[in-house]
Amino acid sequence: MKRLAEPNHEAVRLLELDPRWDEREWCARKHAGYVLSGALRLELARGSTQVIKKGQGFYIPKGCAHKARCQKVTRLFLVD
């Protein structure tokens, strides 16, 4: 994935994630998004897990460490 924004600006992306995709490192950037199809599983460093399904939106504030993965093809609209 290539980011097309300057470091201090937000990027808007349309993503299609493969079921084999698994974010291995913790991310602490802020994200806002909407799941168009599939489901995104978010693991938060503070110990909770959330599943965001088709038709649901999400917001992760800056500094909230998280990892994500999916078990089937997942399409999402993401602002980060």
N, C-alpha and C. Protein backbone atom coordinates (compact mmCIF):
# COMPACT_ATOMS: atom_id res chain seq x y z
N MET A 1 0.84 -1.17 0.00
CA MET A 1 0.00 0.00 0.00
C MET A 1 0.89 1.24 0.00
N LYS A 2 0.65 2.13 -0.90
CA LYS A 2 1.42 3.36 -0.98
C LYS A 2 0.57 4.51 -0.48
N ARG A 3 1.12 5.28 0.43
CA ARG A 3 0.41 6.46 0.93
C ARG A 3 0.65 7.60 -0.04
N LEU A 4 -0.41 8.28 -0.42
CA LEU A 4 -0.32 9.36 -1.38
C LEU A 4 -0.49 10.73 -0.74
N ALA A 5 -0.28 10.82 0.56
CA ALA A 5 -0.46 12.10 1.25
C ALA A 5 0.86 12.54 1.88
N GLU A 6 0.95 13.82 2.11
CA GLU A 6 2.09 14.38 2.83
C GLU A 6 2.02 13.91 4.29
N PRO A 7 3.13 13.91 5.02
CA PRO A 7 3.14 13.40 6.39
C PRO A 7 2.13 14.07 7.33
N ASN A 8 1.82 15.34 7.14
CA ASN A 8 0.91 16.04 8.04
C ASN A 8 -0.51 16.19 7.48
N HIS A 9 -0.84 15.42 6.47
CA HIS A 9 -2.16 15.49 5.86
C HIS A 9 -2.83 14.12 5.91
N GLU A 10 -4.14 14.13 5.78
CA GLU A 10 -4.88 12.88 5.79
C GLU A 10 -4.97 12.30 4.39
N ALA A 11 -5.01 10.98 4.33
CA ALA A 11 -5.15 10.27 3.05
C ALA A 11 -6.51 9.57 3.05
N VAL A 12 -7.16 9.57 1.91
CA VAL A 12 -8.42 8.87 1.73
C VAL A 12 -8.14 7.70 0.80
N ARG A 13 -8.53 6.48 1.24
CA ARG A 13 -8.21 5.30 0.44
C ARG A 13 -9.41 4.36 0.36
N LEU A 14 -9.49 3.66 -0.73
CA LEU A 14 -10.44 2.57 -0.90
C LEU A 14 -9.58 1.32 -0.93
N LEU A 15 -9.76 0.43 0.05
CA LEU A 15 -8.90 -0.75 0.18
C LEU A 15 -9.69 -2.03 -0.03
N GLU A 16 -9.01 -3.02 -0.61
CA GLU A 16 -9.52 -4.38 -0.67
C GLU A 16 -8.47 -5.25 -0.02
N LEU A 17 -8.82 -5.84 1.12
CA LEU A 17 -7.89 -6.66 1.88
C LEU A 17 -8.15 -8.13 1.63
N ASP A 18 -7.10 -8.86 1.35
CA ASP A 18 -7.15 -10.29 1.12
C ASP A 18 -7.25 -11.01 2.47
N PRO A 19 -7.90 -12.16 2.54
CA PRO A 19 -8.01 -12.90 3.80
C PRO A 19 -6.65 -13.28 4.41
N ARG A 20 -5.63 -13.36 3.61
CA ARG A 20 -4.30 -13.68 4.13
C ARG A 20 -3.64 -12.47 4.76
N TRP A 21 -4.20 -11.27 4.55
CA TRP A 21 -3.61 -10.05 5.10
C TRP A 21 -3.76 -10.06 6.62
N ASP A 22 -2.67 -9.79 7.31
CA ASP A 22 -2.65 -9.77 8.77
C ASP A 22 -1.64 -8.73 9.20
N GLU A 23 -2.12 -7.65 9.81
CA GLU A 23 -1.22 -6.58 10.26
C GLU A 23 -0.43 -7.10 11.46
N ARG A 24 0.86 -7.22 11.31
CA ARG A 24 1.69 -7.84 12.35
C ARG A 24 2.21 -6.84 13.38
N GLU A 25 2.37 -5.59 12.98
CA GLU A 25 2.92 -4.58 13.89
C GLU A 25 1.81 -3.68 14.41
N TRP A 26 1.99 -3.16 15.61
CA TRP A 26 1.02 -2.25 16.19
C TRP A 26 1.08 -0.91 15.47
N CYS A 27 -0.07 -0.33 15.23
CA CYS A 27 -0.20 0.97 14.59
C CYS A 27 -0.79 1.93 15.62
N ALA A 28 -0.31 3.16 15.68
CA ALA A 28 -0.84 4.14 16.63
C ALA A 28 -1.39 5.38 15.92
N ARG A 29 -1.51 5.31 14.58
CA ARG A 29 -2.09 6.44 13.83
C ARG A 29 -3.59 6.44 13.98
N LYS A 30 -4.19 7.60 13.75
CA LYS A 30 -5.66 7.65 13.80
C LYS A 30 -6.22 7.18 12.46
N HIS A 31 -7.38 6.54 12.54
CA HIS A 31 -8.08 6.06 11.35
C HIS A 31 -9.57 6.27 11.55
N ALA A 32 -10.25 6.56 10.47
CA ALA A 32 -11.72 6.54 10.43
C ALA A 32 -12.07 5.77 9.18
N GLY A 33 -13.09 4.94 9.26
CA GLY A 33 -13.40 4.13 8.09
C GLY A 33 -14.82 3.60 8.10
N TYR A 34 -15.15 2.96 6.99
CA TYR A 34 -16.46 2.37 6.77
C TYR A 34 -16.25 1.08 6.01
N VAL A 35 -16.79 -0.03 6.52
CA VAL A 35 -16.63 -1.33 5.87
C VAL A 35 -17.71 -1.50 4.81
N LEU A 36 -17.27 -1.64 3.56
CA LEU A 36 -18.18 -1.80 2.43
C LEU A 36 -18.61 -3.24 2.23
N SER A 37 -17.71 -4.20 2.51
CA SER A 37 -18.03 -5.62 2.43
C SER A 37 -17.04 -6.39 3.29
N GLY A 38 -17.45 -7.56 3.73
CA GLY A 38 -16.58 -8.36 4.59
C GLY A 38 -16.65 -7.89 6.03
N ALA A 39 -15.57 -8.10 6.76
CA ALA A 39 -15.48 -7.70 8.17
C ALA A 39 -14.02 -7.48 8.54
N LEU A 40 -13.78 -6.51 9.38
CA LEU A 40 -12.45 -6.17 9.84
C LEU A 40 -12.38 -6.45 11.34
N ARG A 41 -11.40 -7.22 11.76
CA ARG A 41 -11.23 -7.54 13.18
C ARG A 41 -10.12 -6.65 13.72
N LEU A 42 -10.44 -5.79 14.69
CA LEU A 42 -9.46 -4.89 15.30
C LEU A 42 -9.09 -5.39 16.68
N GLU A 43 -7.80 -5.56 16.91
CA GLU A 43 -7.28 -5.93 18.22
C GLU A 43 -6.63 -4.69 18.79
N LEU A 44 -7.08 -4.26 19.96
CA LEU A 44 -6.53 -3.08 20.61
C LEU A 44 -5.49 -3.50 21.64
N ALA A 45 -4.41 -2.73 21.76
CA ALA A 45 -3.32 -3.07 22.67
C ALA A 45 -3.80 -3.15 24.12
N ARG A 46 -4.87 -2.46 24.44
CA ARG A 46 -5.37 -2.48 25.83
C ARG A 46 -6.16 -3.75 26.14
N GLY A 47 -6.24 -4.67 25.16
CA GLY A 47 -6.79 -5.99 25.43
C GLY A 47 -8.14 -6.31 24.82
N SER A 48 -8.82 -5.38 24.23
CA SER A 48 -10.12 -5.70 23.66
C SER A 48 -10.02 -5.97 22.16
N THR A 49 -11.02 -6.63 21.63
CA THR A 49 -11.12 -6.94 20.21
C THR A 49 -12.50 -6.53 19.73
N GLN A 50 -12.56 -5.94 18.56
CA GLN A 50 -13.83 -5.54 17.98
C GLN A 50 -13.89 -6.03 16.54
N VAL A 51 -15.07 -6.45 16.11
CA VAL A 51 -15.28 -6.85 14.72
C VAL A 51 -16.19 -5.80 14.09
N ILE A 52 -15.72 -5.15 13.04
CA ILE A 52 -16.49 -4.15 12.32
C ILE A 52 -16.98 -4.82 11.04
N LYS A 53 -18.30 -4.90 10.90
CA LYS A 53 -18.91 -5.62 9.78
C LYS A 53 -19.39 -4.67 8.69
N LYS A 54 -19.78 -5.26 7.57
CA LYS A 54 -20.33 -4.51 6.44
C LYS A 54 -21.40 -3.54 6.94
N GLY A 55 -21.27 -2.28 6.50
CA GLY A 55 -22.24 -1.26 6.87
C GLY A 55 -21.92 -0.52 8.15
N GLN A 56 -20.83 -0.89 8.82
CA GLN A 56 -20.45 -0.23 10.07
C GLN A 56 -19.24 0.65 9.84
N GLY A 57 -19.20 1.74 10.59
CA GLY A 57 -18.06 2.65 10.56
C GLY A 57 -17.25 2.50 11.83
N PHE A 58 -16.05 3.09 11.83
CA PHE A 58 -15.19 3.03 13.01
C PHE A 58 -14.28 4.25 13.06
N TYR A 59 -13.82 4.55 14.27
CA TYR A 59 -12.86 5.63 14.49
C TYR A 59 -11.86 5.15 15.52
N ILE A 60 -10.59 5.27 15.20
CA ILE A 60 -9.51 4.91 16.12
C ILE A 60 -8.71 6.18 16.35
N PRO A 61 -8.68 6.71 17.56
CA PRO A 61 -7.95 7.95 17.81
C PRO A 61 -6.43 7.75 17.77
N LYS A 62 -5.73 8.81 17.49
CA LYS A 62 -4.26 8.78 17.47
C LYS A 62 -3.76 8.32 18.84
N GLY A 63 -2.78 7.43 18.82
CA GLY A 63 -2.19 6.93 20.06
C GLY A 63 -2.83 5.65 20.59
N CYS A 64 -3.95 5.24 20.02
CA CYS A 64 -4.62 4.00 20.44
C CYS A 64 -4.02 2.85 19.61
N ALA A 65 -3.07 2.15 20.17
CA ALA A 65 -2.37 1.08 19.43
C ALA A 65 -3.33 -0.03 19.05
N HIS A 66 -3.21 -0.49 17.81
CA HIS A 66 -4.13 -1.50 17.29
C HIS A 66 -3.48 -2.29 16.16
N LYS A 67 -4.06 -3.47 15.89
CA LYS A 67 -3.71 -4.31 14.74
C LYS A 67 -5.01 -4.76 14.11
N ALA A 68 -4.99 -5.05 12.83
CA ALA A 68 -6.21 -5.48 12.15
C ALA A 68 -5.94 -6.71 11.30
N ARG A 69 -7.02 -7.46 11.03
CA ARG A 69 -6.94 -8.61 10.13
C ARG A 69 -8.34 -8.89 9.61
N CYS A 70 -8.42 -9.72 8.60
CA CYS A 70 -9.73 -10.12 8.06
C CYS A 70 -9.66 -11.59 7.68
N GLN A 71 -10.83 -12.26 7.67
CA GLN A 71 -10.88 -13.68 7.35
C GLN A 71 -11.47 -13.95 5.98
N LYS A 72 -11.98 -12.92 5.33
CA LYS A 72 -12.46 -13.03 3.95
C LYS A 72 -12.17 -11.70 3.26
N VAL A 73 -12.31 -11.65 1.97
CA VAL A 73 -12.05 -10.40 1.25
C VAL A 73 -12.88 -9.30 1.90
N THR A 74 -12.22 -8.21 2.26
CA THR A 74 -12.87 -7.10 2.92
C THR A 74 -12.54 -5.81 2.19
N ARG A 75 -13.58 -5.06 1.88
CA ARG A 75 -13.40 -3.76 1.20
C ARG A 75 -13.80 -2.67 2.19
N LEU A 76 -12.95 -1.64 2.28
CA LEU A 76 -13.27 -0.55 3.18
C LEU A 76 -12.80 0.79 2.64
N PHE A 77 -13.49 1.80 3.08
CA PHE A 77 -13.15 3.18 2.81
C PHE A 77 -12.43 3.66 4.05
N LEU A 78 -11.22 4.21 3.91
CA LEU A 78 -10.40 4.55 5.05
C LEU A 78 -9.84 5.96 4.92
N VAL A 79 -9.87 6.70 6.01
CA VAL A 79 -9.23 8.01 6.10
C VAL A 79 -8.21 7.89 7.21
N ASP A 80 -6.95 8.18 6.89
CA ASP A 80 -5.90 8.16 7.92
C ASP A 80 -4.87 9.23 7.67
